């Protein structure tokens, strides 16, 4: 039973990480989240975060 609860906790943590990554990425794209002194590249960095998250999810699912 300990293994199944550890597995469930891992899945929940993974999903929360995806949600947080997407929230940060879309926040950077929309301009809600900014980084002082480098505001010009923040939307580009946001797209990198979003695309990287999506690719990571696809790769993780394909690996299963």
PDB file of N, CA and C in Angstrom:
ATOM      1  N   UNK A   1       0.817  -1.189   0.000  1.00  0.00           N
ATOM      2  CA  UNK A   1       0.000   0.000   0.000  1.00  0.00           C
ATOM      3  C   UNK A   1       0.863   1.255   0.000  1.00  0.00           C
ATOM      4  N   UNK A   2       2.033   1.198   0.546  1.00  0.00           N
ATOM      5  CA  UNK A   2       2.912   2.365   0.585  1.00  0.00           C
ATOM      6  C   UNK A   2       3.355   2.755  -0.815  1.00  0.00           C
ATOM      7  N   UNK A   3       3.561   1.750  -1.674  1.00  0.00           N
ATOM      8  CA  UNK A   3       3.989   2.046  -3.035  1.00  0.00           C
ATOM      9  C   UNK A   3       2.903   2.773  -3.815  1.00  0.00           C
ATOM     10  N   UNK A   4       1.645   2.385  -3.635  1.00  0.00           N
ATOM     11  CA  UNK A   4       0.567   3.051  -4.365  1.00  0.00           C
ATOM     12  C   UNK A   4       0.369   4.489  -3.886  1.00  0.00           C
ATOM     13  N   UNK A   5       0.549   4.732  -2.595  1.00  0.00           N
ATOM     14  CA  UNK A   5       0.400   6.107  -2.102  1.00  0.00           C
ATOM     15  C   UNK A   5       1.566   6.976  -2.563  1.00  0.00           C
ATOM     16  N   UNK A   6       2.747   6.376  -2.665  1.00  0.00           N
ATOM     17  CA  UNK A   6       3.900   7.113  -3.187  1.00  0.00           C
ATOM     18  C   UNK A   6       3.695   7.429  -4.656  1.00  0.00           C
ATOM     19  N   UNK A   7       3.155   6.475  -5.401  1.00  0.00           N
ATOM     20  CA  UNK A   7       2.880   6.692  -6.813  1.00  0.00           C
ATOM     21  C   UNK A   7       1.825   7.777  -6.998  1.00  0.00           C
ATOM     22  N   UNK A   8       0.787   7.751  -6.186  1.00  0.00           N
ATOM     23  CA  UNK A   8      -0.265   8.772  -6.270  1.00  0.00           C
ATOM     24  C   UNK A   8       0.286  10.150  -5.933  1.00  0.00           C
ATOM     25  N   UNK A   9       1.124  10.215  -4.920  1.00  0.00           N
ATOM     26  CA  UNK A   9       1.745  11.480  -4.545  1.00  0.00           C
ATOM     27  C   UNK A   9       2.641  12.003  -5.677  1.00  0.00           C
ATOM     28  N   UNK A  10       3.346  11.122  -6.327  1.00  0.00           N
ATOM     29  CA  UNK A  10       4.185  11.518  -7.457  1.00  0.00           C
ATOM     30  C   UNK A  10       3.369  12.072  -8.608  1.00  0.00           C
ATOM     31  N   UNK A  11       2.236  11.434  -8.901  1.00  0.00           N
ATOM     32  CA  UNK A  11       1.362  11.910  -9.978  1.00  0.00           C
ATOM     33  C   UNK A  11       0.777  13.270  -9.627  1.00  0.00           C
ATOM     34  N   UNK A  12       0.327  13.431  -8.391  1.00  0.00           N
ATOM     35  CA  UNK A  12      -0.235  14.721  -7.961  1.00  0.00           C
ATOM     36  C   UNK A  12       0.824  15.818  -8.040  1.00  0.00           C
ATOM     37  N   UNK A  13       2.021  15.516  -7.591  1.00  0.00           N
ATOM     38  CA  UNK A  13       3.119  16.497  -7.648  1.00  0.00           C
ATOM     39  C   UNK A  13       3.433  16.861  -9.093  1.00  0.00           C
ATOM     40  N   UNK A  14       3.443  15.878  -9.977  1.00  0.00           N
ATOM     41  CA  UNK A  14       3.727  16.110 -11.391  1.00  0.00           C
ATOM     42  C   UNK A  14       2.660  17.018 -12.004  1.00  0.00           C
ATOM     43  N   UNK A  15       1.389  16.752 -11.717  1.00  0.00           N
ATOM     44  CA  UNK A  15       0.299  17.568 -12.254  1.00  0.00           C
ATOM     45  C   UNK A  15       0.367  18.996 -11.721  1.00  0.00           C
ATOM     46  N   UNK A  16       0.646  19.143 -10.436  1.00  0.00           N
ATOM     47  CA  UNK A  16       0.779  20.484  -9.853  1.00  0.00           C
ATOM     48  C   UNK A  16       1.939  21.237 -10.516  1.00  0.00           C
ATOM     49  N   UNK A  17       3.034  20.557 -10.766  1.00  0.00           N
ATOM     50  CA  UNK A  17       4.173  21.188 -11.439  1.00  0.00           C
ATOM     51  C   UNK A  17       3.810  21.676 -12.831  1.00  0.00           C
ATOM     52  N   UNK A  18       3.038  20.875 -13.549  1.00  0.00           N
ATOM     53  CA  UNK A  18       2.602  21.276 -14.892  1.00  0.00           C
ATOM     54  C   UNK A  18       1.713  22.513 -14.814  1.00  0.00           C
ATOM     55  N   UNK A  19       0.771  22.508 -13.886  1.00  0.00           N
ATOM     56  CA  UNK A  19      -0.147  23.649 -13.743  1.00  0.00           C
ATOM     57  C   UNK A  19       0.619  24.917 -13.388  1.00  0.00           C
ATOM     58  N   UNK A  20       1.562  24.803 -12.464  1.00  0.00           N
ATOM     59  CA  UNK A  20       2.356  25.971 -12.069  1.00  0.00           C
ATOM     60  C   UNK A  20       3.207  26.467 -13.240  1.00  0.00           C
ATOM     61  N   UNK A  21       3.835  25.554 -13.961  1.00  0.00           N
ATOM     62  CA  UNK A  21       4.655  25.953 -15.109  1.00  0.00           C
ATOM     63  C   UNK A  21       3.827  26.675 -16.160  1.00  0.00           C
ATOM     64  N   UNK A  22       2.650  26.143 -16.457  1.00  0.00           N
ATOM     65  CA  UNK A  22       1.792  26.799 -17.441  1.00  0.00           C
ATOM     66  C   UNK A  22       1.290  28.149 -16.937  1.00  0.00           C
ATOM     67  N   UNK A  23       0.963  28.244 -15.660  1.00  0.00           N
ATOM     68  CA  UNK A  23       0.509  29.522 -15.101  1.00  0.00           C
ATOM     69  C   UNK A  23       1.610  30.574 -15.197  1.00  0.00           C
ATOM     70  N   UNK A  24       2.820  30.189 -14.863  1.00  0.00           N
ATOM     71  CA  UNK A  24       3.941  31.125 -14.947  1.00  0.00           C
ATOM     72  C   UNK A  24       4.204  31.508 -16.396  1.00  0.00           C
ATOM     73  N   UNK A  25       4.225  30.520 -17.284  1.00  0.00           N
ATOM     74  CA  UNK A  25       4.475  30.800 -18.699  1.00  0.00           C
ATOM     75  C   UNK A  25       3.442  31.738 -19.290  1.00  0.00           C
ATOM     76  N   UNK A  26       2.161  31.453 -19.061  1.00  0.00           N
ATOM     77  CA  UNK A  26       1.117  32.315 -19.605  1.00  0.00           C
ATOM     78  C   UNK A  26       1.098  33.681 -18.921  1.00  0.00           C
ATOM     79  N   UNK A  27       1.476  33.729 -17.655  1.00  0.00           N
ATOM     80  CA  UNK A  27       1.601  35.021 -16.979  1.00  0.00           C
ATOM     81  C   UNK A  27       2.696  35.874 -17.590  1.00  0.00           C
ATOM     82  N   UNK A  28       3.783  35.234 -17.974  1.00  0.00           N
ATOM     83  CA  UNK A  28       4.876  35.969 -18.623  1.00  0.00           C
ATOM     84  C   UNK A  28       4.468  36.427 -20.018  1.00  0.00           C
ATOM     85  N   UNK A  29       3.746  35.578 -20.733  1.00  0.00           N
ATOM     86  CA  UNK A  29       3.307  35.936 -22.085  1.00  0.00           C
ATOM     87  C   UNK A  29       2.347  37.120 -22.047  1.00  0.00           C
ATOM     88  N   UNK A  30       1.398  37.103 -21.123  1.00  0.00           N
ATOM     89  CA  UNK A  30       0.385  38.164 -21.061  1.00  0.00           C
ATOM     90  C   UNK A  30       0.905  39.454 -20.444  1.00  0.00           C
ATOM     91  N   UNK A  31       2.066  39.392 -19.795  1.00  0.00           N
ATOM     92  CA  UNK A  31       2.630  40.586 -19.187  1.00  0.00           C
ATOM     93  C   UNK A  31       2.273  40.745 -17.721  1.00  0.00           C
ATOM     94  N   UNK A  32       1.540  39.785 -17.166  1.00  0.00           N
ATOM     95  CA  UNK A  32       1.196  39.842 -15.747  1.00  0.00           C
ATOM     96  C   UNK A  32       2.434  39.668 -14.885  1.00  0.00           C
ATOM     97  N   UNK A  33       3.293  38.752 -15.282  1.00  0.00           N
ATOM     98  CA  UNK A  33       4.564  38.530 -14.583  1.00  0.00           C
ATOM     99  C   UNK A  33       5.688  39.146 -15.405  1.00  0.00           C
ATOM    100  N   UNK A  34       6.471  39.981 -14.791  1.00  0.00           N
ATOM    101  CA  UNK A  34       7.588  40.600 -15.499  1.00  0.00           C
ATOM    102  C   UNK A  34       8.868  40.434 -14.701  1.00  0.00           C
ATOM    103  N   UNK A  35       9.963  40.633 -15.389  1.00  0.00           N
ATOM    104  CA  UNK A  35      11.279  40.616 -14.755  1.00  0.00           C
ATOM    105  C   UNK A  35      11.902  41.986 -15.022  1.00  0.00           C
ATOM    106  N   UNK A  36      12.220  42.737 -13.976  1.00  0.00           N
ATOM    107  CA  UNK A  36      12.788  44.072 -14.181  1.00  0.00           C
ATOM    108  C   UNK A  36      14.065  44.008 -15.041  1.00  0.00           C
ATOM    109  N   UNK A  37      14.247  44.996 -15.833  1.00  0.00           N
ATOM    110  CA  UNK A  37      15.425  45.213 -16.675  1.00  0.00           C
ATOM    111  C   UNK A  37      15.472  44.324 -17.909  1.00  0.00           C
ATOM    112  N   UNK A  38      14.654  43.300 -17.996  1.00  0.00           N
ATOM    113  CA  UNK A  38      14.651  42.470 -19.209  1.00  0.00           C
ATOM    114  C   UNK A  38      13.217  42.250 -19.692  1.00  0.00           C
ATOM    115  N   UNK A  39      12.402  43.271 -19.608  1.00  0.00           N
ATOM    116  CA  UNK A  39      10.992  43.141 -19.971  1.00  0.00           C
ATOM    117  C   UNK A  39      10.795  42.760 -21.433  1.00  0.00           C
ATOM    118  N   UNK A  40      11.742  43.077 -22.282  1.00  0.00           N
ATOM    119  CA  UNK A  40      11.587  42.793 -23.708  1.00  0.00           C
ATOM    120  C   UNK A  40      11.597  41.298 -24.012  1.00  0.00           C
ATOM    121  N   UNK A  41      12.318  40.518 -23.256  1.00  0.00           N
ATOM    122  CA  UNK A  41      12.423  39.081 -23.554  1.00  0.00           C
ATOM    123  C   UNK A  41      11.514  38.220 -22.683  1.00  0.00           C
ATOM    124  N   UNK A  42      10.773  38.820 -21.775  1.00  0.00           N
ATOM    125  CA  UNK A  42       9.915  38.039 -20.878  1.00  0.00           C
ATOM    126  C   UNK A  42       8.839  37.269 -21.655  1.00  0.00           C
ATOM    127  N   UNK A  43       8.149  37.862 -22.646  1.00  0.00           N
ATOM    128  CA  UNK A  43       7.166  37.057 -23.398  1.00  0.00           C
ATOM    129  C   UNK A  43       7.806  35.880 -24.136  1.00  0.00           C
ATOM    130  N   UNK A  44       8.999  36.078 -24.652  1.00  0.00           N
ATOM    131  CA  UNK A  44       9.697  34.986 -25.339  1.00  0.00           C
ATOM    132  C   UNK A  44      10.027  33.880 -24.339  1.00  0.00           C
ATOM    133  N   UNK A  45      10.494  34.259 -23.169  1.00  0.00           N
ATOM    134  CA  UNK A  45      10.784  33.270 -22.132  1.00  0.00           C
ATOM    135  C   UNK A  45       9.508  32.558 -21.705  1.00  0.00           C
ATOM    136  N   UNK A  46       8.397  33.252 -21.673  1.00  0.00           N
ATOM    137  CA  UNK A  46       7.115  32.634 -21.345  1.00  0.00           C
ATOM    138  C   UNK A  46       6.738  31.563 -22.347  1.00  0.00           C
ATOM    139  N   UNK A  47       6.933  31.872 -23.633  1.00  0.00           N
ATOM    140  CA  UNK A  47       6.648  30.872 -24.665  1.00  0.00           C
ATOM    141  C   UNK A  47       7.578  29.664 -24.538  1.00  0.00           C
ATOM    142  N   UNK A  48       8.826  29.913 -24.183  1.00  0.00           N
ATOM    143  CA  UNK A  48       9.766  28.801 -23.980  1.00  0.00           C
ATOM    144  C   UNK A  48       9.275  27.907 -22.839  1.00  0.00           C
ATOM    145  N   UNK A  49       8.788  28.512 -21.766  1.00  0.00           N
ATOM    146  CA  UNK A  49       8.278  27.740 -20.634  1.00  0.00           C
ATOM    147  C   UNK A  49       7.052  26.917 -21.043  1.00  0.00           C
ATOM    148  N   UNK A  50       6.116  27.535 -21.754  1.00  0.00           N
ATOM    149  CA  UNK A  50       4.897  26.836 -22.164  1.00  0.00           C
ATOM    150  C   UNK A  50       5.216  25.694 -23.125  1.00  0.00           C
ATOM    151  N   UNK A  51       5.997  25.976 -24.140  1.00  0.00           N
ATOM    152  CA  UNK A  51       6.345  24.940 -25.119  1.00  0.00           C
ATOM    153  C   UNK A  51       7.158  23.829 -24.461  1.00  0.00           C
ATOM    154  N   UNK A  52       8.095  24.193 -23.617  1.00  0.00           N
ATOM    155  CA  UNK A  52       8.883  23.186 -22.907  1.00  0.00           C
ATOM    156  C   UNK A  52       8.037  22.302 -22.013  1.00  0.00           C
ATOM    157  N   UNK A  53       7.056  22.894 -21.356  1.00  0.00           N
ATOM    158  CA  UNK A  53       6.150  22.119 -20.503  1.00  0.00           C
ATOM    159  C   UNK A  53       5.329  21.147 -21.331  1.00  0.00           C
ATOM    160  N   UNK A  54       4.794  21.618 -22.446  1.00  0.00           N
ATOM    161  CA  UNK A  54       3.977  20.754 -23.300  1.00  0.00           C
ATOM    162  C   UNK A  54       4.813  19.616 -23.874  1.00  0.00           C
ATOM    163  N   UNK A  55       6.015  19.919 -24.327  1.00  0.00           N
ATOM    164  CA  UNK A  55       6.902  18.871 -24.851  1.00  0.00           C
ATOM    165  C   UNK A  55       7.249  17.874 -23.747  1.00  0.00           C
ATOM    166  N   UNK A  56       7.519  18.373 -22.556  1.00  0.00           N
ATOM    167  CA  UNK A  56       7.830  17.489 -21.433  1.00  0.00           C
ATOM    168  C   UNK A  56       6.682  16.560 -21.086  1.00  0.00           C
ATOM    169  N   UNK A  57       5.464  17.087 -21.123  1.00  0.00           N
ATOM    170  CA  UNK A  57       4.283  16.251 -20.843  1.00  0.00           C
ATOM    171  C   UNK A  57       4.126  15.179 -21.909  1.00  0.00           C
ATOM    172  N   UNK A  58       4.263  15.563 -23.169  1.00  0.00           N
ATOM    173  CA  UNK A  58       4.140  14.599 -24.260  1.00  0.00           C
ATOM    174  C   UNK A  58       5.207  13.521 -24.158  1.00  0.00           C
ATOM    175  N   UNK A  59       6.437  13.916 -23.860  1.00  0.00           N
ATOM    176  CA  UNK A  59       7.524  12.942 -23.735  1.00  0.00           C
ATOM    177  C   UNK A  59       7.300  12.006 -22.551  1.00  0.00           C
ATOM    178  N   UNK A  60       6.802  12.536 -21.435  1.00  0.00           N
ATOM    179  CA  UNK A  60       6.545  11.704 -20.261  1.00  0.00           C
ATOM    180  C   UNK A  60       5.434  10.701 -20.532  1.00  0.00           C
ATOM    181  N   UNK A  61       4.399  11.136 -21.228  1.00  0.00           N
ATOM    182  CA  UNK A  61       3.305  10.224 -21.559  1.00  0.00           C
ATOM    183  C   UNK A  61       3.770   9.163 -22.564  1.00  0.00           C
ATOM    184  N   UNK A  62       4.552   9.576 -23.550  1.00  0.00           N
ATOM    185  CA  UNK A  62       5.065   8.633 -24.558  1.00  0.00           C
ATOM    186  C   UNK A  62       6.012   7.613 -23.930  1.00  0.00           C
ATOM    187  N   UNK A  63       6.733   8.013 -22.907  1.00  0.00           N
ATOM    188  CA  UNK A  63       7.670   7.104 -22.251  1.00  0.00           C
ATOM    189  C   UNK A  63       6.934   6.004 -21.492  1.00  0.00           C
ATOM    190  N   UNK A  64       5.759   6.281 -21.012  1.00  0.00           N
ATOM    191  CA  UNK A  64       4.950   5.286 -20.296  1.00  0.00           C
ATOM    192  C   UNK A  64       4.485   4.275 -21.281  1.00  0.00           C
TER     193      UNK A  64
END
